[in-house]
Amino acid sequence: MAYQIKVSKEAERELSIAKCYYKISNLEEHFDSDFKKQIKYLEANPFLFRFYYRNVRLVHFDDFKYSIHFIIKNKVVYILKILHHKQEYK
């Protein structure tokens, strides 16, 4: 059973910034495919990821040092942030 995914405006902005950064190195497509792979896995298995702080869970990209910060409520996965590992969640 697939969960619905909702992405916050802030997460969309952070994803756009990351894509622009990797576009310079011709890695934008690889970054985007890694992101989509994690979203597909997240849709199917959101409860496989442990809590990191408060009620927020993380899923890490396979090839890039980024993670998706999300919460689960009523069959919906809300993506709050998409951050590089050296960034802090505020």
PDB file of N, CA and C in Angstrom:
ATOM      1  N   MET A   1       0.830  -1.187   0.000  1.00  0.00           N
ATOM      2  CA  MET A   1       0.000   0.000   0.000  1.00  0.00           C
ATOM      3  C   MET A   1       0.872   1.247   0.000  1.00  0.00           C
ATOM      4  N   ALA A   2       0.749   2.071  -0.990  1.00  0.00           N
ATOM      5  CA  ALA A   2       1.565   3.276  -1.123  1.00  0.00           C
ATOM      6  C   ALA A   2       0.974   4.419  -0.303  1.00  0.00           C
ATOM      7  N   TYR A   3       1.844   5.126   0.366  1.00  0.00           N
ATOM      8  CA  TYR A   3       1.439   6.298   1.122  1.00  0.00           C
ATOM      9  C   TYR A   3       1.489   7.509   0.200  1.00  0.00           C
ATOM     10  N   GLN A   4       0.657   8.480   0.498  1.00  0.00           N
ATOM     11  CA  GLN A   4       0.667   9.724  -0.268  1.00  0.00           C
ATOM     12  C   GLN A   4       1.843  10.567   0.210  1.00  0.00           C
ATOM     13  N   ILE A   5       2.514  11.238  -0.722  1.00  0.00           N
ATOM     14  CA  ILE A   5       3.665  12.084  -0.389  1.00  0.00           C
ATOM     15  C   ILE A   5       3.273  13.543  -0.598  1.00  0.00           C
ATOM     16  N   LYS A   6       3.537  14.367   0.423  1.00  0.00           N
ATOM     17  CA  LYS A   6       3.321  15.809   0.305  1.00  0.00           C
ATOM     18  C   LYS A   6       4.635  16.497   0.646  1.00  0.00           C
ATOM     19  N   VAL A   7       5.066  17.380  -0.235  1.00  0.00           N
ATOM     20  CA  VAL A   7       6.351  18.065  -0.077  1.00  0.00           C
ATOM     21  C   VAL A   7       6.097  19.520   0.295  1.00  0.00           C
ATOM     22  N   SER A   8       6.738  19.978   1.354  1.00  0.00           N
ATOM     23  CA  SER A   8       6.580  21.372   1.774  1.00  0.00           C
ATOM     24  C   SER A   8       7.271  22.296   0.772  1.00  0.00           C
ATOM     25  N   LYS A   9       6.855  23.544   0.776  1.00  0.00           N
ATOM     26  CA  LYS A   9       7.459  24.535  -0.128  1.00  0.00           C
ATOM     27  C   LYS A   9       8.948  24.716   0.188  1.00  0.00           C
ATOM     28  N   GLU A  10       9.282  24.646   1.452  1.00  0.00           N
ATOM     29  CA  GLU A  10      10.679  24.780   1.860  1.00  0.00           C
ATOM     30  C   GLU A  10      11.525  23.622   1.318  1.00  0.00           C
ATOM     31  N   ALA A  11      10.978  22.399   1.379  1.00  0.00           N
ATOM     32  CA  ALA A  11      11.696  21.234   0.854  1.00  0.00           C
ATOM     33  C   ALA A  11      11.846  21.337  -0.665  1.00  0.00           C
ATOM     34  N   GLU A  12      10.821  21.832  -1.340  1.00  0.00           N
ATOM     35  CA  GLU A  12      10.909  22.032  -2.793  1.00  0.00           C
ATOM     36  C   GLU A  12      12.016  23.018  -3.129  1.00  0.00           C
ATOM     37  N   ARG A  13      12.109  24.095  -2.341  1.00  0.00           N
ATOM     38  CA  ARG A  13      13.152  25.100  -2.559  1.00  0.00           C
ATOM     39  C   ARG A  13      14.539  24.505  -2.330  1.00  0.00           C
ATOM     40  N   GLU A  14      14.690  23.725  -1.270  1.00  0.00           N
ATOM     41  CA  GLU A  14      15.988  23.107  -0.968  1.00  0.00           C
ATOM     42  C   GLU A  14      16.385  22.101  -2.050  1.00  0.00           C
ATOM     43  N   LEU A  15      15.408  21.374  -2.565  1.00  0.00           N
ATOM     44  CA  LEU A  15      15.682  20.427  -3.650  1.00  0.00           C
ATOM     45  C   LEU A  15      16.124  21.167  -4.904  1.00  0.00           C
ATOM     46  N   SER A  16      15.478  22.264  -5.195  1.00  0.00           N
ATOM     47  CA  SER A  16      15.832  23.077  -6.363  1.00  0.00           C
ATOM     48  C   SER A  16      17.255  23.630  -6.246  1.00  0.00           C
ATOM     49  N   ILE A  17      17.613  24.087  -5.068  1.00  0.00           N
ATOM     50  CA  ILE A  17      18.961  24.618  -4.826  1.00  0.00           C
ATOM     51  C   ILE A  17      20.003  23.517  -5.016  1.00  0.00           C
ATOM     52  N   ALA A  18      19.723  22.336  -4.490  1.00  0.00           N
ATOM     53  CA  ALA A  18      20.655  21.206  -4.624  1.00  0.00           C
ATOM     54  C   ALA A  18      20.818  20.817  -6.091  1.00  0.00           C
ATOM     55  N   LYS A  19      19.714  20.782  -6.832  1.00  0.00           N
ATOM     56  CA  LYS A  19      19.787  20.441  -8.254  1.00  0.00           C
ATOM     57  C   LYS A  19      20.625  21.459  -9.017  1.00  0.00           C
ATOM     58  N   CYS A  20      20.463  22.736  -8.692  1.00  0.00           N
ATOM     59  CA  CYS A  20      21.276  23.780  -9.347  1.00  0.00           C
ATOM     60  C   CYS A  20      22.753  23.584  -9.050  1.00  0.00           C
ATOM     61  N   TYR A  21      23.070  23.221  -7.813  1.00  0.00           N
ATOM     62  CA  TYR A  21      24.458  22.984  -7.438  1.00  0.00           C
ATOM     63  C   TYR A  21      25.051  21.837  -8.257  1.00  0.00           C
ATOM     64  N   TYR A  22      24.309  20.743  -8.390  1.00  0.00           N
ATOM     65  CA  TYR A  22      24.821  19.575  -9.109  1.00  0.00           C
ATOM     66  C   TYR A  22      24.747  19.737 -10.630  1.00  0.00           C
ATOM     67  N   LYS A  23      23.979  20.694 -11.086  1.00  0.00           N
ATOM     68  CA  LYS A  23      23.911  20.969 -12.526  1.00  0.00           C
ATOM     69  C   LYS A  23      25.271  21.447 -13.036  1.00  0.00           C
ATOM     70  N   ILE A  24      25.979  22.179 -12.216  1.00  0.00           N
ATOM     71  CA  ILE A  24      27.301  22.694 -12.578  1.00  0.00           C
ATOM     72  C   ILE A  24      28.266  21.542 -12.870  1.00  0.00           C
ATOM     73  N   SER A  25      28.142  20.454 -12.126  1.00  0.00           N
ATOM     74  CA  SER A  25      29.029  19.299 -12.275  1.00  0.00           C
ATOM     75  C   SER A  25      28.459  18.222 -13.189  1.00  0.00           C
ATOM     76  N   ASN A  26      27.369  18.539 -13.882  1.00  0.00           N
ATOM     77  CA  ASN A  26      26.676  17.571 -14.746  1.00  0.00           C
ATOM     78  C   ASN A  26      26.196  16.348 -13.973  1.00  0.00           C
ATOM     79  N   LEU A  27      25.825  16.543 -12.719  1.00  0.00           N
ATOM     80  CA  LEU A  27      25.329  15.451 -11.881  1.00  0.00           C
ATOM     81  C   LEU A  27      23.861  15.629 -11.516  1.00  0.00           C
ATOM     82  N   GLU A  28      23.205  16.604 -12.124  1.00  0.00           N
ATOM     83  CA  GLU A  28      21.815  16.904 -11.784  1.00  0.00           C
ATOM     84  C   GLU A  28      20.901  15.701 -12.036  1.00  0.00           C
ATOM     85  N   GLU A  29      21.062  15.026 -13.164  1.00  0.00           N
ATOM     86  CA  GLU A  29      20.206  13.879 -13.482  1.00  0.00           C
ATOM     87  C   GLU A  29      20.429  12.734 -12.495  1.00  0.00           C
ATOM     88  N   HIS A  30      21.680  12.505 -12.142  1.00  0.00           N
ATOM     89  CA  HIS A  30      21.998  11.442 -11.181  1.00  0.00           C
ATOM     90  C   HIS A  30      21.406  11.780  -9.807  1.00  0.00           C
ATOM     91  N   PHE A  31      21.521  13.038  -9.400  1.00  0.00           N
ATOM     92  CA  PHE A  31      20.946  13.491  -8.137  1.00  0.00           C
ATOM     93  C   PHE A  31      19.429  13.317  -8.156  1.00  0.00           C
ATOM     94  N   ASP A  32      18.803  13.724  -9.248  1.00  0.00           N
ATOM     95  CA  ASP A  32      17.352  13.631  -9.375  1.00  0.00           C
ATOM     96  C   ASP A  32      16.877  12.170  -9.346  1.00  0.00           C
ATOM     97  N   SER A  33      17.602  11.291 -10.013  1.00  0.00           N
ATOM     98  CA  SER A  33      17.200   9.880 -10.011  1.00  0.00           C
ATOM     99  C   SER A  33      17.385   9.267  -8.622  1.00  0.00           C
ATOM    100  N   ASP A  34      18.415   9.671  -7.894  1.00  0.00           N
ATOM    101  CA  ASP A  34      18.615   9.196  -6.525  1.00  0.00           C
ATOM    102  C   ASP A  34      17.466   9.677  -5.634  1.00  0.00           C
ATOM    103  N   PHE A  35      17.062  10.934  -5.811  1.00  0.00           N
ATOM    104  CA  PHE A  35      15.941  11.482  -5.051  1.00  0.00           C
ATOM    105  C   PHE A  35      14.654  10.709  -5.348  1.00  0.00           C
ATOM    106  N   LYS A  36      14.373  10.476  -6.604  1.00  0.00           N
ATOM    107  CA  LYS A  36      13.155   9.762  -6.992  1.00  0.00           C
ATOM    108  C   LYS A  36      13.149   8.326  -6.463  1.00  0.00           C
ATOM    109  N   LYS A  37      14.319   7.719  -6.444  1.00  0.00           N
ATOM    110  CA  LYS A  37      14.448   6.357  -5.913  1.00  0.00           C
ATOM    111  C   LYS A  37      14.075   6.330  -4.421  1.00  0.00           C
ATOM    112  N   GLN A  38      14.548   7.319  -3.681  1.00  0.00           N
ATOM    113  CA  GLN A  38      14.248   7.386  -2.252  1.00  0.00           C
ATOM    114  C   GLN A  38      12.770   7.681  -2.016  1.00  0.00           C
ATOM    115  N   ILE A  39      12.169   8.509  -2.850  1.00  0.00           N
ATOM    116  CA  ILE A  39      10.743   8.820  -2.722  1.00  0.00           C
ATOM    117  C   ILE A  39       9.904   7.569  -2.979  1.00  0.00           C
ATOM    118  N   LYS A  40      10.266   6.800  -3.995  1.00  0.00           N
ATOM    119  CA  LYS A  40       9.539   5.561  -4.292  1.00  0.00           C
ATOM    120  C   LYS A  40       9.612   4.590  -3.118  1.00  0.00           C
ATOM    121  N   TYR A  41      10.788   4.457  -2.552  1.00  0.00           N
ATOM    122  CA  TYR A  41      10.974   3.568  -1.415  1.00  0.00           C
ATOM    123  C   TYR A  41      10.201   4.090  -0.204  1.00  0.00           C
ATOM    124  N   LEU A  42      10.204   5.395  -0.025  1.00  0.00           N
ATOM    125  CA  LEU A  42       9.500   6.035   1.082  1.00  0.00           C
ATOM    126  C   LEU A  42       7.990   5.845   0.963  1.00  0.00           C
ATOM    127  N   GLU A  43       7.463   5.920  -0.243  1.00  0.00           N
ATOM    128  CA  GLU A  43       6.029   5.706  -0.470  1.00  0.00           C
ATOM    129  C   GLU A  43       5.590   4.322  -0.004  1.00  0.00           C
ATOM    130  N   ALA A  44       6.420   3.343  -0.253  1.00  0.00           N
ATOM    131  CA  ALA A  44       6.070   1.957   0.060  1.00  0.00           C
ATOM    132  C   ALA A  44       6.384   1.561   1.502  1.00  0.00           C
ATOM    133  N   ASN A  45       7.429   2.152   2.081  1.00  0.00           N
ATOM    134  CA  ASN A  45       7.916   1.688   3.393  1.00  0.00           C
ATOM    135  C   ASN A  45       8.287   2.827   4.349  1.00  0.00           C
ATOM    136  N   PRO A  46       7.407   3.742   4.663  1.00  0.00           N
ATOM    137  CA  PRO A  46       7.823   4.876   5.497  1.00  0.00           C
ATOM    138  C   PRO A  46       8.167   4.509   6.941  1.00  0.00           C
ATOM    139  N   PHE A  47       7.620   3.424   7.455  1.00  0.00           N
ATOM    140  CA  PHE A  47       7.863   3.066   8.852  1.00  0.00           C
ATOM    141  C   PHE A  47       9.176   2.302   9.063  1.00  0.00           C
ATOM    142  N   LEU A  48       9.916   2.036   8.000  1.00  0.00           N
ATOM    143  CA  LEU A  48      11.205   1.361   8.148  1.00  0.00           C
ATOM    144  C   LEU A  48      12.295   2.284   8.677  1.00  0.00           C
ATOM    145  N   PHE A  49      12.040   3.573   8.674  1.00  0.00           N
ATOM    146  CA  PHE A  49      13.046   4.545   9.079  1.00  0.00           C
ATOM    147  C   PHE A  49      12.792   4.977  10.518  1.00  0.00           C
ATOM    148  N   ARG A  50      13.868   5.037  11.289  1.00  0.00           N
ATOM    149  CA  ARG A  50      13.737   5.338  12.714  1.00  0.00           C
ATOM    150  C   ARG A  50      13.614   6.846  12.959  1.00  0.00           C
ATOM    151  N   PHE A  51      13.165   7.189  14.155  1.00  0.00           N
ATOM    152  CA  PHE A  51      13.064   8.587  14.564  1.00  0.00           C
ATOM    153  C   PHE A  51      14.463   9.123  14.844  1.00  0.00           C
ATOM    154  N   TYR A  52      14.720  10.354  14.397  1.00  0.00           N
ATOM    155  CA  TYR A  52      15.999  10.996  14.698  1.00  0.00           C
ATOM    156  C   TYR A  52      15.833  12.086  15.739  1.00  0.00           C
ATOM    157  N   TYR A  53      14.754  12.830  15.670  1.00  0.00           N
ATOM    158  CA  TYR A  53      14.452  13.849  16.664  1.00  0.00           C
ATOM    159  C   TYR A  53      12.960  14.123  16.598  1.00  0.00           C
ATOM    160  N   ARG A  54      12.402  14.491  17.742  1.00  0.00           N
ATOM    161  CA  ARG A  54      10.957  14.693  17.865  1.00  0.00           C
ATOM    162  C   ARG A  54      10.223  13.555  17.169  1.00  0.00           C
ATOM    163  N   ASN A  55       9.342  13.823  16.237  1.00  0.00           N
ATOM    164  CA  ASN A  55       8.663  12.766  15.478  1.00  0.00           C
ATOM    165  C   ASN A  55       9.165  12.710  14.047  1.00  0.00           C
ATOM    166  N   VAL A  56      10.332  13.246  13.812  1.00  0.00           N
ATOM    167  CA  VAL A  56      10.886  13.342  12.463  1.00  0.00           C
ATOM    168  C   VAL A  56      11.782  12.143  12.169  1.00  0.00           C
ATOM    169  N   ARG A  57      11.563  11.555  11.008  1.00  0.00           N
ATOM    170  CA  ARG A  57      12.373  10.431  10.529  1.00  0.00           C
ATOM    171  C   ARG A  57      13.227  10.920   9.367  1.00  0.00           C
ATOM    172  N   LEU A  58      14.270  10.167   9.056  1.00  0.00           N
ATOM    173  CA  LEU A  58      15.163  10.525   7.954  1.00  0.00           C
ATOM    174  C   LEU A  58      15.353   9.351   7.018  1.00  0.00           C
ATOM    175  N   VAL A  59      15.445   9.663   5.730  1.00  0.00           N
ATOM    176  CA  VAL A  59      15.878   8.688   4.733  1.00  0.00           C
ATOM    177  C   VAL A  59      17.054   9.325   3.998  1.00  0.00           C
ATOM    178  N   HIS A  60      18.153   8.582   3.900  1.00  0.00           N
ATOM    179  CA  HIS A  60      19.367   9.098   3.281  1.00  0.00           C
ATOM    180  C   HIS A  60      19.427   8.715   1.808  1.00  0.00           C
ATOM    181  N   PHE A  61      19.961   9.618   1.004  1.00  0.00           N
ATOM    182  CA  PHE A  61      20.203   9.313  -0.404  1.00  0.00           C
ATOM    183  C   PHE A  61      21.283   8.242  -0.468  1.00  0.00           C
ATOM    184  N   ASP A  62      21.312   7.480  -1.553  1.00  0.00           N
ATOM    185  CA  ASP A  62      22.321   6.434  -1.717  1.00  0.00           C
ATOM    186  C   ASP A  62      23.682   7.000  -2.103  1.00  0.00           C
ATOM    187  N   ASP A  63      23.699   7.924  -3.058  1.00  0.00           N
ATOM    188  CA  ASP A  63      24.960   8.384  -3.640  1.00  0.00           C
ATOM    189  C   ASP A  63      25.354   9.805  -3.269  1.00  0.00           C
ATOM    190  N   PHE A  64      24.495  10.527  -2.607  1.00  0.00           N
ATOM    191  CA  PHE A  64      24.769  11.913  -2.250  1.00  0.00           C
ATOM    192  C   PHE A  64      24.580  12.083  -0.754  1.00  0.00           C
ATOM    193  N   LYS A  65      25.261  13.064  -0.177  1.00  0.00           N
ATOM    194  CA  LYS A  65      25.186  13.289   1.263  1.00  0.00           C
ATOM    195  C   LYS A  65      24.002  14.200   1.593  1.00  0.00           C
ATOM    196  N   TYR A  66      22.829  13.719   1.239  1.00  0.00           N
ATOM    197  CA  TYR A  66      21.581  14.424   1.514  1.00  0.00           C
ATOM    198  C   TYR A  66      20.624  13.479   2.215  1.00  0.00           C
ATOM    199  N   SER A  67      19.686  14.064   2.953  1.00  0.00           N
ATOM    200  CA  SER A  67      18.657  13.264   3.600  1.00  0.00           C
ATOM    201  C   SER A  67      17.317  13.984   3.514  1.00  0.00           C
ATOM    202  N   ILE A  68      16.265  13.189   3.530  1.00  0.00           N
ATOM    203  CA  ILE A  68      14.896  13.687   3.489  1.00  0.00           C
ATOM    204  C   ILE A  68      14.339  13.571   4.901  1.00  0.00           C
ATOM    205  N   HIS A  69      13.896  14.688   5.462  1.00  0.00           N
ATOM    206  CA  HIS A  69      13.324  14.726   6.798  1.00  0.00           C
ATOM    207  C   HIS A  69      11.809  14.705   6.646  1.00  0.00           C
ATOM    208  N   PHE A  70      11.151  13.750   7.304  1.00  0.00           N
ATOM    209  CA  PHE A  70       9.715  13.610   7.096  1.00  0.00           C
ATOM    210  C   PHE A  70       8.994  13.128   8.349  1.00  0.00           C
ATOM    211  N   ILE A  71       7.679  13.337   8.348  1.00  0.00           N
ATOM    212  CA  ILE A  71       6.802  12.803   9.380  1.00  0.00           C
ATOM    213  C   ILE A  71       5.668  12.053   8.689  1.00  0.00           C
ATOM    214  N   ILE A  72       5.006  11.190   9.440  1.00  0.00           N
ATOM    215  CA  ILE A  72       3.901  10.387   8.899  1.00  0.00           C
ATOM    216  C   ILE A  72       2.654  10.694   9.722  1.00  0.00           C
ATOM    217  N   LYS A  73       1.581  11.049   9.025  1.00  0.00           N
ATOM    218  CA  LYS A  73       0.289  11.285   9.683  1.00  0.00           C
ATOM    219  C   LYS A  73      -0.825  10.794   8.776  1.00  0.00           C
ATOM    220  N   ASN A  74      -1.650   9.905   9.285  1.00  0.00           N
ATOM    221  CA  ASN A  74      -2.853   9.457   8.574  1.00  0.00           C
ATOM    222  C   ASN A  74      -2.595   9.042   7.129  1.00  0.00           C
ATOM    223  N   LYS A  75      -1.703   8.116   6.926  1.00  0.00           N
ATOM    224  CA  LYS A  75      -1.408   7.570   5.583  1.00  0.00           C
ATOM    225  C   LYS A  75      -0.794   8.597   4.633  1.00  0.00           C
ATOM    226  N   VAL A  76      -0.258   9.685   5.191  1.00  0.00           N
ATOM    227  CA  VAL A  76       0.394  10.710   4.381  1.00  0.00           C
ATOM    228  C   VAL A  76       1.800  10.934   4.926  1.00  0.00           C
ATOM    229  N   VAL A  77       2.775  10.978   4.032  1.00  0.00           N
ATOM    230  CA  VAL A  77       4.160  11.291   4.392  1.00  0.00           C
ATOM    231  C   VAL A  77       4.394  12.750   4.035  1.00  0.00           C
ATOM    232  N   TYR A  78       4.686  13.551   5.046  1.00  0.00           N
ATOM    233  CA  TYR A  78       4.950  14.974   4.846  1.00  0.00           C
ATOM    234  C   TYR A  78       6.454  15.200   4.856  1.00  0.00           C
ATOM    235  N   ILE A  79       6.999  15.620   3.726  1.00  0.00           N
ATOM    236  CA  ILE A  79       8.429  15.907   3.632  1.00  0.00           C
ATOM    237  C   ILE A  79       8.639  17.345   4.090  1.00  0.00           C
ATOM    238  N   LEU A  80       9.401  17.494   5.166  1.00  0.00           N
ATOM    239  CA  LEU A  80       9.620  18.806   5.766  1.00  0.00           C
ATOM    240  C   LEU A  80      10.847  19.508   5.194  1.00  0.00           C
ATOM    241  N   LYS A  81      11.925  18.761   5.055  1.00  0.00           N
ATOM    242  CA  LYS A  81      13.203  19.330   4.615  1.00  0.00           C
ATOM    243  C   LYS A  81      13.960  18.318   3.771  1.00  0.00           C
ATOM    244  N   ILE A  82      14.833  18.830   2.921  1.00  0.00           N
ATOM    245  CA  ILE A  82      15.802  18.017   2.189  1.00  0.00           C
ATOM    246  C   ILE A  82      17.138  18.718   2.411  1.00  0.00           C
ATOM    247  N   LEU A  83      17.982  18.111   3.238  1.00  0.00           N
ATOM    248  CA  LEU A  83      19.203  18.788   3.674  1.00  0.00           C
ATOM    249  C   LEU A  83      20.460  17.989   3.373  1.00  0.00           C
ATOM    250  N   HIS A  84      21.538  18.740   3.120  1.00  0.00           N
ATOM    251  CA  HIS A  84      22.865  18.141   3.051  1.00  0.00           C
ATOM    252  C   HIS A  84      23.234  17.733   4.475  1.00  0.00           C
ATOM    253  N   HIS A  85      24.050  16.729   4.635  1.00  0.00           N
ATOM    254  CA  HIS A  85      24.376  16.217   5.967  1.00  0.00           C
ATOM    255  C   HIS A  85      25.085  17.242   6.847  1.00  0.00           C
ATOM    256  N   LYS A  86      25.696  18.246   6.262  1.00  0.00           N
ATOM    257  CA  LYS A  86      26.386  19.252   7.082  1.00  0.00           C
ATOM    258  C   LYS A  86      25.471  20.407   7.484  1.00  0.00           C
ATOM    259  N   GLN A  87      24.239  20.401   6.944  1.00  0.00           N
ATOM    260  CA  GLN A  87      23.281  21.434   7.338  1.00  0.00           C
ATOM    261  C   GLN A  87      22.533  20.981   8.581  1.00  0.00           C
ATOM    262  N   GLU A  88      21.999  21.946   9.333  1.00  0.00           N
ATOM    263  CA  GLU A  88      21.240  21.642  10.526  1.00  0.00           C
ATOM    264  C   GLU A  88      19.769  21.951  10.288  1.00  0.00           C
ATOM    265  N   TYR A  89      18.920  21.152  10.898  1.00  0.00           N
ATOM    266  CA  TYR A  89      17.471  21.399  10.840  1.00  0.00           C
ATOM    267  C   TYR A  89      17.148  22.457  11.876  1.00  0.00           C
ATOM    268  N   LYS A  90      16.509  23.545  11.438  1.00  0.00           N
ATOM    269  CA  LYS A  90      16.144  24.623  12.382  1.00  0.00           C
ATOM    270  C   LYS A  90      14.647  24.747  12.440  1.00  0.00           C
TER     271      LYS A  90
END
